[in-house]
Amino acid sequence: MNLLYLKYAVEVAASGSINKAAEKLYIDQPNLSRAIKDLEYSLGVAIFERSSRGMKLTPEGERFLEYANKILKQVDAVENMFRTDGANKLHFSISAPRASYISEAFSNFAAQIGKEAGMEMFYRETNAMRAVKNILEENYRLGIVRYAGQYDKYYKEMFETKGLASELVAEFSYVLIMNRKSPLANLSEIKFSDLKDLIEIAHADPYVPSMPLSEVKKEELPDIERRIFVFERASEFELLSKDPYAFMWVSDTPKEMLERYGLVTRRCVDNKKIYKDMMIYKKDYKFTDIDKRFITELCEVKRHLFGN
């Protein structure tokens, strides 16, 4: 029996709907529906009664749910037991957007903490959806979510629904980053029209809660003829350092990193959009001393770059 399928069934029962459960679990509705059917087939019983009004537990389903909840609680108990065994270790974990100022802060922080005995740190660059999922399901302590200011209400509603607290880290407009030999580098004023014949380095996983992906992509990835999708920051910078006709939209980048890759940043007068980086964590979570040390370093790097 697939343990993950037990979790799926418990969520479907709680939500009363495949669609609602899929949204909470961050998986596609067809995949969730197929997983529930596979679980029912393996057990030889119908767990749910399906109707236009949603998913209702059958009598067999109610018995199944009782056992499923007990099994999942026992799994949690085992995981907590081994986490307790490692209680003497310093532990830090964060999911963050692909942002140079955040990775710079983490590098500075890790250099300080790494000298201390008994330490584990996890730093994962990913999109907003995965950052939330990592906190809710993968035991990450902290997350930083990036989104355009116009979507603020959608994210605030999601944070509230998921039981997450949020605090503003930084608010900014994107700048263009490019090879120092780029034709853009010497322009006195850069407009959107100056980008049309160049190659954009971009991420292919934009996300806004409660909005169709196609609509979000249209807003976050406007029409441009040549685009390369890359998800690792170092690979992105390697591409930019080798191709003077490539560019990327980024938050402000530390000077040392620009010099390392032979890059420069420039403002675009047509770009008026404001972005927010929000730190998220479970509402009942209390910052540890190691969390506070990272936040202090993050604020220091942010002040240096953004001036606030």
C-alpha atoms as a PDB file:
ATOM      1  CA  MET A   1       0.000   0.000   0.000  1.00  0.00           C
ATOM      2  CA  ASN A   2       1.316   3.427  -0.965  1.00  0.00           C
ATOM      3  CA  LEU A   3       1.634   5.628   2.132  1.00  0.00           C
ATOM      4  CA  LEU A   4       1.279   8.749  -0.001  1.00  0.00           C
ATOM      5  CA  TYR A   5      -2.094   7.498  -1.235  1.00  0.00           C
ATOM      6  CA  LEU A   6      -3.272   7.299   2.381  1.00  0.00           C
ATOM      7  CA  LYS A   7      -2.445  10.978   2.791  1.00  0.00           C
ATOM      8  CA  TYR A   8      -4.292  11.750  -0.414  1.00  0.00           C
ATOM      9  CA  ALA A   9      -7.412   9.901   0.720  1.00  0.00           C
ATOM     10  CA  VAL A  10      -7.411  11.661   4.107  1.00  0.00           C
ATOM     11  CA  GLU A  11      -7.208  15.055   2.372  1.00  0.00           C
ATOM     12  CA  VAL A  12     -10.005  14.179  -0.090  1.00  0.00           C
ATOM     13  CA  ALA A  13     -12.200  13.114   2.840  1.00  0.00           C
ATOM     14  CA  ALA A  14     -11.450  16.361   4.689  1.00  0.00           C
ATOM     15  CA  SER A  15     -12.078  18.516   1.603  1.00  0.00           C
ATOM     16  CA  GLY A  16     -15.068  16.604   0.280  1.00  0.00           C
ATOM     17  CA  SER A  17     -13.833  17.286  -3.237  1.00  0.00           C
ATOM     18  CA  ILE A  18     -11.112  16.051  -5.565  1.00  0.00           C
ATOM     19  CA  ASN A  19     -10.589  19.568  -6.930  1.00  0.00           C
ATOM     20  CA  LYS A  20     -10.196  21.178  -3.494  1.00  0.00           C
ATOM     21  CA  ALA A  21      -7.918  18.396  -2.273  1.00  0.00           C
ATOM     22  CA  ALA A  22      -5.765  18.638  -5.416  1.00  0.00           C
ATOM     23  CA  GLU A  23      -5.298  22.366  -4.814  1.00  0.00           C
ATOM     24  CA  LYS A  24      -4.249  21.798  -1.202  1.00  0.00           C
ATOM     25  CA  LEU A  25      -1.921  18.951  -2.149  1.00  0.00           C
ATOM     26  CA  TYR A  26      -0.436  20.845  -5.126  1.00  0.00           C
ATOM     27  CA  ILE A  27      -1.040  18.009  -7.586  1.00  0.00           C
ATOM     28  CA  ASP A  28      -3.108  17.758 -10.755  1.00  0.00           C
ATOM     29  CA  GLN A  29      -6.729  16.711 -10.314  1.00  0.00           C
ATOM     30  CA  PRO A  30      -6.497  13.797 -12.813  1.00  0.00           C
ATOM     31  CA  ASN A  31      -3.427  12.402 -11.006  1.00  0.00           C
ATOM     32  CA  LEU A  32      -5.158  12.630  -7.619  1.00  0.00           C
ATOM     33  CA  SER A  33      -8.306  10.996  -8.984  1.00  0.00           C
ATOM     34  CA  ARG A  34      -6.234   8.179 -10.483  1.00  0.00           C
ATOM     35  CA  ALA A  35      -4.342   7.669  -7.184  1.00  0.00           C
ATOM     36  CA  ILE A  36      -7.627   7.316  -5.254  1.00  0.00           C
ATOM     37  CA  LYS A  37      -8.940   4.794  -7.789  1.00  0.00           C
ATOM     38  CA  ASP A  38      -5.679   2.807  -7.542  1.00  0.00           C
ATOM     39  CA  LEU A  39      -5.989   2.792  -3.754  1.00  0.00           C
ATOM     40  CA  GLU A  40      -9.588   1.571  -3.937  1.00  0.00           C
ATOM     41  CA  TYR A  41      -8.588  -1.128  -6.415  1.00  0.00           C
ATOM     42  CA  SER A  42      -5.738  -2.370  -4.213  1.00  0.00           C
ATOM     43  CA  LEU A  43      -8.070  -2.559  -1.190  1.00  0.00           C
ATOM     44  CA  GLY A  44     -10.980  -4.039  -3.118  1.00  0.00           C
ATOM     45  CA  VAL A  45     -13.485  -1.532  -1.699  1.00  0.00           C
ATOM     46  CA  ALA A  46     -15.017   1.787  -2.668  1.00  0.00           C
ATOM     47  CA  ILE A  47     -13.726   4.409  -0.235  1.00  0.00           C
ATOM     48  CA  PHE A  48     -15.748   7.277  -1.685  1.00  0.00           C
ATOM     49  CA  GLU A  49     -19.194   7.724  -3.113  1.00  0.00           C
ATOM     50  CA  ARG A  50     -18.903  10.113  -6.056  1.00  0.00           C
ATOM     51  CA  SER A  51     -21.632  12.562  -7.007  1.00  0.00           C
ATOM     52  CA  SER A  52     -22.074  16.031  -8.503  1.00  0.00           C
ATOM     53  CA  ARG A  53     -21.907  17.380  -4.950  1.00  0.00           C
ATOM     54  CA  GLY A  54     -18.452  15.939  -4.321  1.00  0.00           C
ATOM     55  CA  MET A  55     -16.823  12.980  -2.584  1.00  0.00           C
ATOM     56  CA  LYS A  56     -18.538  11.319   0.382  1.00  0.00           C
ATOM     57  CA  LEU A  57     -17.121   8.453   2.434  1.00  0.00           C
ATOM     58  CA  THR A  58     -18.792   5.079   2.100  1.00  0.00           C
ATOM     59  CA  PRO A  59     -19.225   2.946   5.255  1.00  0.00           C
ATOM     60  CA  GLU A  60     -16.082   1.041   4.217  1.00  0.00           C
ATOM     61  CA  GLY A  61     -14.401   4.380   3.605  1.00  0.00           C
ATOM     62  CA  GLU A  62     -15.169   5.540   7.141  1.00  0.00           C
ATOM     63  CA  ARG A  63     -13.514   2.401   8.549  1.00  0.00           C
ATOM     64  CA  PHE A  64     -10.563   2.893   6.203  1.00  0.00           C
ATOM     65  CA  LEU A  65     -10.159   6.542   7.275  1.00  0.00           C
ATOM     66  CA  GLU A  66     -10.040   5.549  10.927  1.00  0.00           C
ATOM     67  CA  TYR A  67      -7.125   3.179  10.282  1.00  0.00           C
ATOM     68  CA  ALA A  68      -5.434   5.555   7.828  1.00  0.00           C
ATOM     69  CA  ASN A  69      -5.343   8.324  10.428  1.00  0.00           C
ATOM     70  CA  LYS A  70      -3.833   5.951  12.992  1.00  0.00           C
ATOM     71  CA  ILE A  71      -1.160   4.808  10.532  1.00  0.00           C
ATOM     72  CA  LEU A  72      -0.223   8.370   9.593  1.00  0.00           C
ATOM     73  CA  LYS A  73      -0.008   9.376  13.263  1.00  0.00           C
ATOM     74  CA  GLN A  74       2.340   6.447  13.911  1.00  0.00           C
ATOM     75  CA  VAL A  75       4.502   7.497  10.951  1.00  0.00           C
ATOM     76  CA  ASP A  76       4.674  11.042  12.360  1.00  0.00           C
ATOM     77  CA  ALA A  77       5.627   9.616  15.774  1.00  0.00           C
ATOM     78  CA  VAL A  78       8.513   7.621  14.256  1.00  0.00           C
ATOM     79  CA  GLU A  79       9.767  10.663  12.325  1.00  0.00           C
ATOM     80  CA  ASN A  80       9.563  12.850  15.436  1.00  0.00           C
ATOM     81  CA  MET A  81      11.455  10.230  17.458  1.00  0.00           C
ATOM     82  CA  PHE A  82      14.415  10.347  15.095  1.00  0.00           C
ATOM     83  CA  ARG A  83      14.263  14.123  14.847  1.00  0.00           C
ATOM     84  CA  THR A  84      14.490  14.209  18.647  1.00  0.00           C
ATOM     85  CA  ASP A  85      17.574  11.986  18.520  1.00  0.00           C
ATOM     86  CA  GLY A  86      19.184  14.713  16.438  1.00  0.00           C
ATOM     87  CA  ALA A  87      18.033  17.502  18.706  1.00  0.00           C
ATOM     88  CA  ASN A  88      21.590  18.455  19.614  1.00  0.00           C
ATOM     89  CA  LYS A  89      22.318  19.321  15.999  1.00  0.00           C
ATOM     90  CA  LEU A  90      21.859  22.828  14.694  1.00  0.00           C
ATOM     91  CA  HIS A  91      19.233  22.643  11.965  1.00  0.00           C
ATOM     92  CA  PHE A  92      18.380  25.247   9.355  1.00  0.00           C
ATOM     93  CA  SER A  93      16.217  24.888   6.248  1.00  0.00           C
ATOM     94  CA  ILE A  94      14.804  27.370   3.779  1.00  0.00           C
ATOM     95  CA  SER A  95      13.242  27.380   0.316  1.00  0.00           C
ATOM     96  CA  ALA A  96      13.922  30.573  -1.587  1.00  0.00           C
ATOM     97  CA  PRO A  97      13.478  32.135  -5.024  1.00  0.00           C
ATOM     98  CA  ARG A  98      16.428  32.151  -7.418  1.00  0.00           C
ATOM     99  CA  ALA A  99      17.749  35.461  -6.112  1.00  0.00           C
ATOM    100  CA  SER A 100      21.388  36.445  -5.835  1.00  0.00           C
ATOM    101  CA  TYR A 101      21.001  38.627  -2.746  1.00  0.00           C
ATOM    102  CA  ILE A 102      19.365  35.757  -0.846  1.00  0.00           C
ATOM    103  CA  SER A 103      22.003  33.223  -1.913  1.00  0.00           C
ATOM    104  CA  GLU A 104      24.698  35.759  -0.962  1.00  0.00           C
ATOM    105  CA  ALA A 105      23.170  36.089   2.502  1.00  0.00           C
ATOM    106  CA  PHE A 106      22.999  32.317   2.857  1.00  0.00           C
ATOM    107  CA  SER A 107      26.640  31.908   1.769  1.00  0.00           C
ATOM    108  CA  ASN A 108      27.807  34.473   4.343  1.00  0.00           C
ATOM    109  CA  PHE A 109      25.641  32.847   7.005  1.00  0.00           C
ATOM    110  CA  ALA A 110      26.822  29.305   6.148  1.00  0.00           C
ATOM    111  CA  ALA A 111      30.464  30.388   6.318  1.00  0.00           C
ATOM    112  CA  GLN A 112      29.874  31.497   9.916  1.00  0.00           C
ATOM    113  CA  ILE A 113      27.733  28.560  11.063  1.00  0.00           C
ATOM    114  CA  GLY A 114      29.707  25.892   9.206  1.00  0.00           C
ATOM    115  CA  LYS A 115      32.523  26.090  11.735  1.00  0.00           C
ATOM    116  CA  GLU A 116      30.188  24.946  14.524  1.00  0.00           C
ATOM    117  CA  ALA A 117      29.872  21.255  15.395  1.00  0.00           C
ATOM    118  CA  GLY A 118      26.693  19.248  14.770  1.00  0.00           C
ATOM    119  CA  MET A 119      25.061  21.260  11.996  1.00  0.00           C
ATOM    120  CA  GLU A 120      22.667  20.507   9.105  1.00  0.00           C
ATOM    121  CA  MET A 121      21.539  23.128   6.602  1.00  0.00           C
ATOM    122  CA  PHE A 122      19.217  22.874   3.627  1.00  0.00           C
ATOM    123  CA  TYR A 123      18.927  25.621   1.016  1.00  0.00           C
ATOM    124  CA  ARG A 124      16.612  24.996  -1.930  1.00  0.00           C
ATOM    125  CA  GLU A 125      15.993  27.424  -4.782  1.00  0.00           C
ATOM    126  CA  THR A 126      12.518  26.936  -6.207  1.00  0.00           C
ATOM    127  CA  ASN A 127       9.271  28.662  -7.162  1.00  0.00           C
ATOM    128  CA  ALA A 128       6.554  29.976  -4.836  1.00  0.00           C
ATOM    129  CA  MET A 129       4.329  26.887  -5.006  1.00  0.00           C
ATOM    130  CA  ARG A 130       7.157  24.543  -4.064  1.00  0.00           C
ATOM    131  CA  ALA A 131       8.350  26.818  -1.248  1.00  0.00           C
ATOM    132  CA  VAL A 132       4.905  26.597   0.347  1.00  0.00           C
ATOM    133  CA  LYS A 133       4.748  22.844  -0.211  1.00  0.00           C
ATOM    134  CA  ASN A 134       8.183  22.348   1.368  1.00  0.00           C
ATOM    135  CA  ILE A 135       7.024  24.008   4.580  1.00  0.00           C
ATOM    136  CA  LEU A 136       3.691  22.184   4.728  1.00  0.00           C
ATOM    137  CA  GLU A 137       4.891  18.732   3.702  1.00  0.00           C
ATOM    138  CA  GLU A 138       8.698  18.494   3.716  1.00  0.00           C
ATOM    139  CA  ASN A 139       9.502  19.931   7.154  1.00  0.00           C
ATOM    140  CA  TYR A 140      11.314  23.007   5.877  1.00  0.00           C
ATOM    141  CA  ARG A 141      11.279  25.674   8.589  1.00  0.00           C
ATOM    142  CA  LEU A 142      11.367  28.845   6.476  1.00  0.00           C
ATOM    143  CA  GLY A 143      10.490  29.927   2.964  1.00  0.00           C
ATOM    144  CA  ILE A 144      10.764  33.069   0.867  1.00  0.00           C
ATOM    145  CA  VAL A 145       8.111  33.572  -1.780  1.00  0.00           C
ATOM    146  CA  ARG A 146       8.451  36.059  -4.633  1.00  0.00           C
ATOM    147  CA  TYR A 147       5.473  37.516  -6.468  1.00  0.00           C
ATOM    148  CA  ALA A 148       4.338  40.628  -8.336  1.00  0.00           C
ATOM    149  CA  GLY A 149       2.638  43.159  -6.061  1.00  0.00           C
ATOM    150  CA  GLN A 150      -0.562  42.977  -8.108  1.00  0.00           C
ATOM    151  CA  TYR A 151      -1.067  39.417  -6.827  1.00  0.00           C
ATOM    152  CA  ASP A 152      -0.715  40.345  -3.167  1.00  0.00           C
ATOM    153  CA  LYS A 153      -4.297  39.501  -2.184  1.00  0.00           C
ATOM    154  CA  TYR A 154      -4.118  36.051  -3.802  1.00  0.00           C
ATOM    155  CA  TYR A 155      -1.008  35.147  -1.847  1.00  0.00           C
ATOM    156  CA  LYS A 156      -2.226  36.633   1.436  1.00  0.00           C
ATOM    157  CA  GLU A 157      -5.434  34.590   1.140  1.00  0.00           C
ATOM    158  CA  MET A 158      -3.435  31.419   0.420  1.00  0.00           C
ATOM    159  CA  PHE A 159      -1.090  32.021   3.369  1.00  0.00           C
ATOM    160  CA  GLU A 160      -4.091  32.435   5.666  1.00  0.00           C
ATOM    161  CA  THR A 161      -5.778  29.301   4.327  1.00  0.00           C
ATOM    162  CA  LYS A 162      -2.596  27.249   4.760  1.00  0.00           C
ATOM    163  CA  GLY A 163      -1.926  28.511   8.297  1.00  0.00           C
ATOM    164  CA  LEU A 164       1.219  30.418   7.295  1.00  0.00           C
ATOM    165  CA  ALA A 165       2.556  33.674   8.684  1.00  0.00           C
ATOM    166  CA  SER A 166       4.252  36.089   6.278  1.00  0.00           C
ATOM    167  CA  GLU A 167       6.615  39.051   6.640  1.00  0.00           C
ATOM    168  CA  LEU A 168       7.954  41.391   3.981  1.00  0.00           C
ATOM    169  CA  VAL A 169      11.649  40.882   3.223  1.00  0.00           C
ATOM    170  CA  ALA A 170      12.068  43.257   0.267  1.00  0.00           C
ATOM    171  CA  GLU A 171      10.067  45.234  -2.279  1.00  0.00           C
ATOM    172  CA  PHE A 172      11.699  46.150  -5.585  1.00  0.00           C
ATOM    173  CA  SER A 173      11.520  46.416  -9.376  1.00  0.00           C
ATOM    174  CA  TYR A 174      13.464  44.021 -11.558  1.00  0.00           C
ATOM    175  CA  VAL A 175      16.632  45.171 -13.297  1.00  0.00           C
ATOM    176  CA  LEU A 176      18.226  43.720 -16.413  1.00  0.00           C
ATOM    177  CA  ILE A 177      21.369  41.652 -15.975  1.00  0.00           C
ATOM    178  CA  MET A 178      23.642  41.056 -18.977  1.00  0.00           C
ATOM    179  CA  ASN A 179      27.147  40.447 -20.239  1.00  0.00           C
ATOM    180  CA  ARG A 180      29.270  43.601 -19.889  1.00  0.00           C
ATOM    181  CA  LYS A 181      29.748  43.402 -23.709  1.00  0.00           C
ATOM    182  CA  SER A 182      25.994  43.379 -24.326  1.00  0.00           C
ATOM    183  CA  PRO A 183      24.647  45.971 -26.817  1.00  0.00           C
ATOM    184  CA  LEU A 184      22.351  47.059 -23.964  1.00  0.00           C
ATOM    185  CA  ALA A 185      25.211  47.902 -21.613  1.00  0.00           C
ATOM    186  CA  ASN A 186      26.117  51.226 -23.258  1.00  0.00           C
ATOM    187  CA  LEU A 187      22.590  52.514 -23.911  1.00  0.00           C
ATOM    188  CA  SER A 188      21.756  55.656 -21.968  1.00  0.00           C
ATOM    189  CA  GLU A 189      18.136  54.498 -21.671  1.00  0.00           C
ATOM    190  CA  ILE A 190      16.772  50.963 -22.141  1.00  0.00           C
ATOM    191  CA  LYS A 191      13.195  50.330 -23.276  1.00  0.00           C
ATOM    192  CA  PHE A 192      11.239  47.114 -23.832  1.00  0.00           C
ATOM    193  CA  SER A 193      11.665  47.548 -27.580  1.00  0.00           C
ATOM    194  CA  ASP A 194      15.452  47.250 -27.180  1.00  0.00           C
ATOM    195  CA  LEU A 195      15.031  43.652 -25.976  1.00  0.00           C
ATOM    196  CA  LYS A 196      13.086  42.202 -28.898  1.00  0.00           C
ATOM    197  CA  ASP A 197      16.097  40.923 -30.872  1.00  0.00           C
ATOM    198  CA  LEU A 198      17.932  39.507 -27.848  1.00  0.00           C
ATOM    199  CA  ILE A 199      17.648  36.216 -25.936  1.00  0.00           C
ATOM    200  CA  GLU A 200      15.901  36.133 -22.573  1.00  0.00           C
ATOM    201  CA  ILE A 201      17.028  33.712 -19.874  1.00  0.00           C
ATOM    202  CA  ALA A 202      13.917  32.881 -17.838  1.00  0.00           C
ATOM    203  CA  HIS A 203      12.204  30.450 -15.465  1.00  0.00           C
ATOM    204  CA  ALA A 204       9.352  28.337 -16.839  1.00  0.00           C
ATOM    205  CA  ASP A 205       7.485  27.823 -13.572  1.00  0.00           C
ATOM    206  CA  PRO A 206       5.594  31.009 -12.651  1.00  0.00           C
ATOM    207  CA  TYR A 207       2.772  30.468 -10.167  1.00  0.00           C
ATOM    208  CA  VAL A 208      -0.063  32.512  -8.666  1.00  0.00           C
ATOM    209  CA  PRO A 209      -2.654  30.816  -6.419  1.00  0.00           C
ATOM    210  CA  SER A 210      -6.216  30.643  -7.774  1.00  0.00           C
ATOM    211  CA  MET A 211      -5.116  31.748 -11.244  1.00  0.00           C
ATOM    212  CA  PRO A 212      -4.721  29.587 -14.395  1.00  0.00           C
ATOM    213  CA  LEU A 213      -1.091  28.924 -15.334  1.00  0.00           C
ATOM    214  CA  SER A 214      -1.738  30.131 -18.888  1.00  0.00           C
ATOM    215  CA  GLU A 215      -2.847  33.529 -17.597  1.00  0.00           C
ATOM    216  CA  VAL A 216       0.120  33.840 -15.247  1.00  0.00           C
ATOM    217  CA  LYS A 217       2.578  32.928 -18.009  1.00  0.00           C
ATOM    218  CA  LYS A 218       1.045  35.537 -20.292  1.00  0.00           C
ATOM    219  CA  GLU A 219       1.645  38.181 -17.626  1.00  0.00           C
ATOM    220  CA  GLU A 220       5.060  37.039 -16.381  1.00  0.00           C
ATOM    221  CA  LEU A 221       6.501  35.874 -19.732  1.00  0.00           C
ATOM    222  CA  PRO A 222       5.480  38.496 -22.327  1.00  0.00           C
ATOM    223  CA  ASP A 223       6.017  37.837 -26.028  1.00  0.00           C
ATOM    224  CA  ILE A 224       9.639  37.523 -27.066  1.00  0.00           C
ATOM    225  CA  GLU A 225      10.924  35.450 -29.965  1.00  0.00           C
ATOM    226  CA  ARG A 226      13.967  33.820 -28.308  1.00  0.00           C
ATOM    227  CA  ARG A 227      13.944  32.496 -24.758  1.00  0.00           C
ATOM    228  CA  ILE A 228      15.988  29.901 -22.850  1.00  0.00           C
ATOM    229  CA  PHE A 229      14.478  28.404 -19.687  1.00  0.00           C
ATOM    230  CA  VAL A 230      17.040  27.614 -16.978  1.00  0.00           C
ATOM    231  CA  PHE A 231      16.369  26.861 -13.312  1.00  0.00           C
ATOM    232  CA  GLU A 232      19.830  26.990 -11.691  1.00  0.00           C
ATOM    233  CA  ARG A 233      21.267  30.408 -10.893  1.00  0.00           C
ATOM    234  CA  ALA A 234      24.894  29.412 -11.599  1.00  0.00           C
ATOM    235  CA  SER A 235      23.895  28.004 -15.013  1.00  0.00           C
ATOM    236  CA  GLU A 236      21.982  31.174 -15.798  1.00  0.00           C
ATOM    237  CA  PHE A 237      25.006  33.313 -15.016  1.00  0.00           C
ATOM    238  CA  GLU A 238      27.271  31.020 -17.041  1.00  0.00           C
ATOM    239  CA  LEU A 239      25.015  31.522 -20.066  1.00  0.00           C
ATOM    240  CA  LEU A 240      24.967  35.287 -19.582  1.00  0.00           C
ATOM    241  CA  SER A 241      28.752  35.398 -19.198  1.00  0.00           C
ATOM    242  CA  LYS A 242      29.243  33.603 -22.533  1.00  0.00           C
ATOM    243  CA  ASP A 243      26.529  35.257 -24.650  1.00  0.00           C
ATOM    244  CA  PRO A 244      26.515  39.064 -24.989  1.00  0.00           C
ATOM    245  CA  TYR A 245      23.086  38.856 -26.635  1.00  0.00           C
ATOM    246  CA  ALA A 246      21.362  37.265 -23.636  1.00  0.00           C
ATOM    247  CA  PHE A 247      19.676  39.067 -20.749  1.00  0.00           C
ATOM    248  CA  MET A 248      17.627  38.250 -17.671  1.00  0.00           C
ATOM    249  CA  TRP A 249      15.252  40.037 -15.291  1.00  0.00           C
ATOM    250  CA  VAL A 250      16.542  39.889 -11.695  1.00  0.00           C
ATOM    251  CA  SER A 251      16.443  41.607  -8.322  1.00  0.00           C
ATOM    252  CA  ASP A 252      19.551  43.653  -7.508  1.00  0.00           C
ATOM    253  CA  THR A 253      22.699  41.519  -7.535  1.00  0.00           C
ATOM    254  CA  PRO A 254      25.768  41.832  -5.269  1.00  0.00           C
ATOM    255  CA  LYS A 255      28.721  43.554  -6.978  1.00  0.00           C
ATOM    256  CA  GLU A 256      31.115  40.682  -6.220  1.00  0.00           C
ATOM    257  CA  MET A 257      28.862  38.231  -8.064  1.00  0.00           C
ATOM    258  CA  LEU A 258      28.603  40.527 -11.081  1.00  0.00           C
ATOM    259  CA  GLU A 259      32.377  40.842 -11.267  1.00  0.00           C
ATOM    260  CA  ARG A 260      32.850  37.083 -10.914  1.00  0.00           C
ATOM    261  CA  TYR A 261      30.817  36.411 -14.060  1.00  0.00           C
ATOM    262  CA  GLY A 262      31.653  39.574 -16.015  1.00  0.00           C
ATOM    263  CA  LEU A 263      28.091  40.901 -15.819  1.00  0.00           C
ATOM    264  CA  VAL A 264      26.402  44.270 -15.315  1.00  0.00           C
ATOM    265  CA  THR A 265      22.907  45.388 -14.390  1.00  0.00           C
ATOM    266  CA  ARG A 266      20.854  48.181 -15.938  1.00  0.00           C
ATOM    267  CA  ARG A 267      17.428  49.702 -15.314  1.00  0.00           C
ATOM    268  CA  CYS A 268      14.662  49.597 -17.912  1.00  0.00           C
ATOM    269  CA  VAL A 269      12.570  52.774 -17.985  1.00  0.00           C
ATOM    270  CA  ASP A 270       9.491  50.865 -19.204  1.00  0.00           C
ATOM    271  CA  ASN A 271       9.525  48.423 -16.308  1.00  0.00           C
ATOM    272  CA  LYS A 272       7.198  49.719 -13.578  1.00  0.00           C
ATOM    273  CA  LYS A 273       6.151  46.428 -11.987  1.00  0.00           C
ATOM    274  CA  ILE A 274       6.843  45.994  -8.264  1.00  0.00           C
ATOM    275  CA  TYR A 275       7.773  42.609  -6.783  1.00  0.00           C
ATOM    276  CA  LYS A 276       7.726  41.410  -3.193  1.00  0.00           C
ATOM    277  CA  ASP A 277       9.838  38.820  -1.403  1.00  0.00           C
ATOM    278  CA  MET A 278       7.884  37.500   1.580  1.00  0.00           C
ATOM    279  CA  MET A 279       9.269  35.239   4.288  1.00  0.00           C
ATOM    280  CA  ILE A 280       6.790  32.514   5.252  1.00  0.00           C
ATOM    281  CA  TYR A 281       6.612  29.970   8.069  1.00  0.00           C
ATOM    282  CA  LYS A 282       3.956  28.081  10.014  1.00  0.00           C
ATOM    283  CA  LYS A 283       1.993  30.341  12.346  1.00  0.00           C
ATOM    284  CA  ASP A 284       2.945  28.306  15.406  1.00  0.00           C
ATOM    285  CA  TYR A 285       6.640  28.229  14.504  1.00  0.00           C
ATOM    286  CA  LYS A 286       9.092  30.083  16.752  1.00  0.00           C
ATOM    287  CA  PHE A 287      12.344  31.319  15.248  1.00  0.00           C
ATOM    288  CA  THR A 288      15.405  29.530  16.590  1.00  0.00           C
ATOM    289  CA  ASP A 289      18.684  31.317  17.293  1.00  0.00           C
ATOM    290  CA  ILE A 290      20.107  29.969  14.021  1.00  0.00           C
ATOM    291  CA  ASP A 291      17.062  31.283  12.115  1.00  0.00           C
ATOM    292  CA  LYS A 292      17.596  34.711  13.648  1.00  0.00           C
ATOM    293  CA  ARG A 293      21.262  34.702  12.604  1.00  0.00           C
ATOM    294  CA  PHE A 294      20.285  34.004   8.993  1.00  0.00           C
ATOM    295  CA  ILE A 295      17.608  36.737   9.072  1.00  0.00           C
ATOM    296  CA  THR A 296      20.169  39.205  10.440  1.00  0.00           C
ATOM    297  CA  GLU A 297      22.552  38.384   7.569  1.00  0.00           C
ATOM    298  CA  LEU A 298      19.716  38.606   5.036  1.00  0.00           C
ATOM    299  CA  CYS A 299      18.733  42.061   6.325  1.00  0.00           C
ATOM    300  CA  GLU A 300      22.354  43.211   6.145  1.00  0.00           C
ATOM    301  CA  VAL A 301      22.752  42.147   2.497  1.00  0.00           C
ATOM    302  CA  LYS A 302      19.353  43.617   1.622  1.00  0.00           C
ATOM    303  CA  ARG A 303      20.196  46.974   3.207  1.00  0.00           C
ATOM    304  CA  HIS A 304      23.453  47.101   1.273  1.00  0.00           C
ATOM    305  CA  LEU A 305      21.719  46.442  -2.068  1.00  0.00           C
ATOM    306  CA  PHE A 306      18.312  48.058  -1.689  1.00  0.00           C
ATOM    307  CA  GLY A 307      19.275  50.798   0.739  1.00  0.00           C
ATOM    308  CA  ASN A 308      16.541  50.054   3.290  1.00  0.00           C
END
